[in-house]
Amino acid sequence: MEEAKGTGAPKEESQTEILERMIAEHKAQEEDERLTEVDPFSLINKGSVRINSIEEADAIAKLLVEADRRLASVKAIEAKRVAREESRATRLHGIFEGALEAWTKAQLVGKKRRSLLLKHAELRLRRKPAHNHTFSEAELAAWAEREFVDAVTYKSVVSLERVKEWETKNGKPAPGRIHVDEEEGFKLAIPNAKEESDVNQA
């Protein structure tokens, strides 16, 4: 704090000067942190990455976590966009497609052609052959089991819980299964606040 001229007393800082000093200190701190930060790409040497310190490991973890966060954010944004555009397209088809179909049929009455070529699309009429439509799978299955057994097929579903019991009892994998030795996996996880404080206290 400067001294006021001729009084020897310290000069009071104005609000603006205090804010400017705080901003300058913050920028200096950010610059110091930036200079001491490890660049993960600087750890690449001849196609491989060598980690020599906890700071380097943390810099790589930070890079990967930020990449995952950005990916999740973009996916969420895109999912919303897709849902919005699907809703719009469905609504527009519902409003206009019936009228377009009726107009196309009217234009092609008495003609051999089954389509109209417009500037932006081709409008086609398709004849669907007569056919029987299944409205109740359960009713059809019940009838087939009584009257037409050859038409009924079943999908086998194996209970892995029972298979594992058999394997434990017999000490070997069941046919069609293979033993895999215990493996140590790796996962990059974002710690919650409690875990972070536990790490900092260690």
Protein backbone atom coordinates (compact mmCIF):
# COMPACT_ATOMS: atom_id res chain seq x y z
CA MET A 1 0.00 0.00 0.00
CA GLU A 2 1.41 3.40 -0.99
CA GLU A 3 1.88 6.31 1.44
CA ALA A 4 -0.31 9.37 0.96
CA LYS A 5 1.80 12.36 -0.18
CA GLY A 6 3.00 14.67 2.65
CA THR A 7 1.16 12.75 5.39
CA GLY A 8 3.26 9.61 5.89
CA ALA A 9 -0.02 7.67 6.25
CA PRO A 10 -0.72 4.73 3.95
CA LYS A 11 -2.83 5.62 0.89
CA GLU A 12 -6.20 3.83 0.68
CA GLU A 13 -6.72 1.77 -2.49
CA SER A 14 -9.80 2.53 -4.50
CA GLN A 15 -12.28 -0.24 -5.37
CA THR A 16 -11.04 -0.18 -8.97
CA GLU A 17 -7.40 -0.50 -7.89
CA ILE A 18 -8.24 -3.44 -5.60
CA LEU A 19 -10.06 -5.24 -8.43
CA GLU A 20 -7.22 -4.57 -10.89
CA ARG A 21 -4.66 -5.89 -8.38
CA MET A 22 -6.74 -9.04 -7.75
CA ILE A 23 -7.12 -9.66 -11.50
CA ALA A 24 -3.37 -9.22 -12.00
CA GLU A 25 -2.61 -11.65 -9.16
CA HIS A 26 -5.09 -14.18 -10.56
CA LYS A 27 -3.56 -13.93 -14.05
CA ALA A 28 -0.05 -14.35 -12.60
CA GLN A 29 -1.18 -17.44 -10.68
CA GLU A 30 -2.82 -18.90 -13.80
CA GLU A 31 0.38 -18.27 -15.77
CA ASP A 32 2.48 -19.99 -13.08
CA GLU A 33 0.15 -23.00 -13.13
CA ARG A 34 0.23 -23.10 -16.94
CA LEU A 35 4.03 -23.06 -16.98
CA THR A 36 4.26 -25.87 -14.41
CA GLU A 37 1.58 -28.03 -16.07
CA VAL A 38 2.83 -31.17 -17.80
CA ASP A 39 2.02 -31.46 -21.50
CA PRO A 40 1.00 -35.14 -22.00
CA PHE A 41 2.12 -35.04 -25.63
CA SER A 42 5.65 -34.12 -24.54
CA LEU A 43 5.83 -37.58 -22.89
CA ILE A 44 5.59 -39.33 -26.26
CA ASN A 45 8.99 -40.55 -27.40
CA LYS A 46 9.44 -42.77 -30.47
CA GLY A 47 5.81 -43.85 -30.45
CA SER A 48 5.59 -44.80 -26.76
CA VAL A 49 4.62 -42.92 -23.61
CA ARG A 50 6.83 -43.05 -20.53
CA ILE A 51 5.46 -41.80 -17.21
CA ASN A 52 8.03 -40.81 -14.58
CA SER A 53 6.03 -38.93 -11.95
CA ILE A 54 2.62 -38.53 -10.34
CA GLU A 55 2.32 -35.12 -12.03
CA GLU A 56 2.80 -36.70 -15.46
CA ALA A 57 0.28 -39.46 -14.66
CA ASP A 58 -2.22 -36.84 -13.47
CA ALA A 59 -1.71 -34.72 -16.60
CA ILE A 60 -2.52 -37.73 -18.79
CA ALA A 61 -5.55 -38.63 -16.64
CA LYS A 62 -6.78 -35.02 -16.91
CA LEU A 63 -6.44 -35.13 -20.71
CA LEU A 64 -8.43 -38.38 -20.94
CA VAL A 65 -11.13 -37.27 -18.48
CA GLU A 66 -11.62 -34.00 -20.39
CA ALA A 67 -11.83 -35.93 -23.68
CA ASP A 68 -14.50 -38.23 -22.20
CA ARG A 69 -16.44 -35.25 -20.82
CA ARG A 70 -16.38 -33.47 -24.17
CA LEU A 71 -17.50 -36.64 -25.94
CA ALA A 72 -20.38 -37.14 -23.48
CA SER A 73 -21.39 -33.51 -23.88
CA VAL A 74 -21.40 -33.71 -27.69
CA LYS A 75 -23.37 -36.99 -27.58
CA ALA A 76 -25.98 -35.42 -25.31
CA ILE A 77 -26.30 -32.40 -27.61
CA GLU A 78 -26.53 -34.60 -30.70
CA ALA A 79 -29.12 -36.89 -29.04
CA LYS A 80 -31.29 -33.85 -28.34
CA ARG A 81 -30.87 -32.63 -31.91
CA VAL A 82 -31.74 -36.05 -33.33
CA ALA A 83 -34.84 -36.32 -31.11
CA ARG A 84 -35.93 -32.81 -32.10
CA GLU A 85 -35.46 -33.47 -35.84
CA GLU A 86 -37.20 -36.86 -35.61
CA SER A 87 -40.17 -35.22 -33.93
CA ARG A 88 -40.28 -32.50 -36.59
CA ALA A 89 -40.02 -34.98 -39.48
CA THR A 90 -42.74 -37.23 -37.99
CA ARG A 91 -45.03 -34.23 -37.47
CA LEU A 92 -44.51 -32.95 -41.03
CA HIS A 93 -45.09 -36.40 -42.55
CA GLY A 94 -48.29 -36.69 -40.51
CA ILE A 95 -49.52 -33.32 -41.77
CA PHE A 96 -48.61 -33.54 -45.46
CA GLU A 97 -47.98 -37.15 -46.56
CA GLY A 98 -51.64 -38.18 -46.75
CA ALA A 99 -52.48 -35.22 -48.99
CA LEU A 100 -49.47 -35.94 -51.21
CA GLU A 101 -50.54 -39.58 -51.56
CA ALA A 102 -54.12 -38.62 -52.47
CA TRP A 103 -52.87 -36.08 -55.02
CA THR A 104 -50.50 -38.65 -56.59
CA LYS A 105 -53.30 -41.22 -56.91
CA ALA A 106 -55.54 -38.63 -58.56
CA GLN A 107 -52.78 -37.70 -61.03
CA LEU A 108 -52.20 -41.34 -62.01
CA VAL A 109 -55.82 -42.43 -62.43
CA GLY A 110 -56.16 -44.37 -65.71
CA LYS A 111 -52.40 -44.29 -66.36
CA LYS A 112 -49.98 -47.23 -66.49
CA ARG A 113 -47.33 -45.22 -64.72
CA ARG A 114 -47.07 -45.76 -60.96
CA SER A 115 -44.83 -42.81 -60.15
CA LEU A 116 -44.44 -39.06 -60.65
CA LEU A 117 -41.08 -37.37 -60.88
CA LEU A 118 -40.96 -33.97 -59.20
CA LYS A 119 -38.08 -31.54 -58.89
CA HIS A 120 -37.23 -32.64 -55.32
CA ALA A 121 -38.58 -36.19 -55.05
CA GLU A 122 -40.19 -39.11 -56.82
CA LEU A 123 -43.71 -40.02 -55.70
CA ARG A 124 -44.40 -43.74 -56.05
CA LEU A 125 -47.52 -45.82 -55.63
CA ARG A 126 -46.90 -49.42 -54.60
CA ARG A 127 -49.37 -52.25 -54.81
CA LYS A 128 -49.28 -54.50 -51.77
CA PRO A 129 -50.33 -58.05 -52.53
CA ALA A 130 -53.26 -59.48 -50.55
CA HIS A 131 -52.00 -61.26 -47.44
CA ASN A 132 -52.98 -62.45 -43.97
CA HIS A 133 -51.81 -60.28 -41.12
CA THR A 134 -50.99 -61.56 -37.61
CA PHE A 135 -52.81 -59.45 -35.02
CA SER A 136 -52.23 -61.81 -32.03
CA GLU A 137 -48.99 -63.78 -31.71
CA ALA A 138 -50.28 -65.53 -28.55
CA GLU A 139 -53.46 -66.77 -30.27
CA LEU A 140 -51.50 -67.99 -33.31
CA ALA A 141 -48.95 -69.81 -31.09
CA ALA A 142 -51.71 -71.52 -29.07
CA TRP A 143 -53.39 -72.74 -32.27
CA ALA A 144 -50.10 -73.96 -33.77
CA GLU A 145 -49.21 -75.93 -30.62
CA ARG A 146 -52.57 -77.77 -30.89
CA GLU A 147 -53.02 -78.14 -34.64
CA PHE A 148 -49.69 -77.64 -36.41
CA VAL A 149 -46.83 -78.63 -34.07
CA ASP A 150 -44.27 -78.68 -36.91
CA ALA A 151 -44.71 -74.92 -37.28
CA VAL A 152 -43.71 -74.24 -33.66
CA THR A 153 -40.04 -73.58 -32.93
CA TYR A 154 -38.46 -72.97 -29.55
CA LYS A 155 -35.33 -71.06 -28.65
CA SER A 156 -33.20 -72.74 -25.99
CA VAL A 157 -32.22 -70.48 -23.12
CA VAL A 158 -29.52 -71.85 -20.83
CA SER A 159 -29.47 -70.74 -17.19
CA LEU A 160 -25.85 -69.71 -16.58
CA GLU A 161 -26.52 -69.76 -12.85
CA ARG A 162 -27.24 -73.52 -12.99
CA VAL A 163 -24.31 -74.10 -15.36
CA LYS A 164 -21.94 -72.34 -12.92
CA GLU A 165 -23.22 -74.56 -10.10
CA TRP A 166 -22.39 -77.63 -12.23
CA GLU A 167 -18.93 -76.23 -13.07
CA THR A 168 -18.18 -75.54 -9.39
CA LYS A 169 -19.24 -79.07 -8.46
CA ASN A 170 -17.25 -80.73 -11.28
CA GLY A 171 -14.23 -78.40 -11.26
CA LYS A 172 -14.22 -77.81 -15.01
CA PRO A 173 -15.98 -75.64 -17.59
CA ALA A 174 -19.13 -77.00 -19.23
CA PRO A 175 -18.95 -77.99 -22.91
CA GLY A 176 -18.95 -74.85 -25.05
CA ARG A 177 -17.31 -72.81 -22.29
CA ILE A 178 -13.63 -72.15 -21.60
CA HIS A 179 -11.75 -71.21 -18.43
CA VAL A 180 -10.26 -67.70 -18.33
CA ASP A 181 -7.62 -66.94 -15.67
CA GLU A 182 -8.18 -64.00 -13.35
CA GLU A 183 -7.13 -60.74 -14.95
CA GLU A 184 -6.40 -57.33 -13.49
CA GLY A 185 -8.33 -54.69 -15.38
CA PHE A 186 -7.85 -50.95 -15.61
CA LYS A 187 -10.43 -48.19 -15.47
CA LEU A 188 -10.08 -44.43 -15.52
CA ALA A 189 -12.65 -43.12 -13.02
CA ILE A 190 -13.58 -39.58 -12.04
CA PRO A 191 -13.40 -39.45 -8.23
CA ASN A 192 -16.18 -37.88 -6.23
CA ALA A 193 -15.52 -35.14 -3.68
CA LYS A 194 -15.05 -37.60 -0.76
CA GLU A 195 -12.52 -39.71 -2.68
CA GLU A 196 -10.62 -36.56 -3.72
CA SER A 197 -10.33 -35.40 -0.09
CA ASP A 198 -9.16 -38.89 0.94
CA VAL A 199 -6.44 -38.78 -1.75
CA ASN A 200 -5.32 -35.30 -0.72
CA GLN A 201 -5.04 -36.37 2.93
CA ALA A 202 -2.99 -39.50 2.10
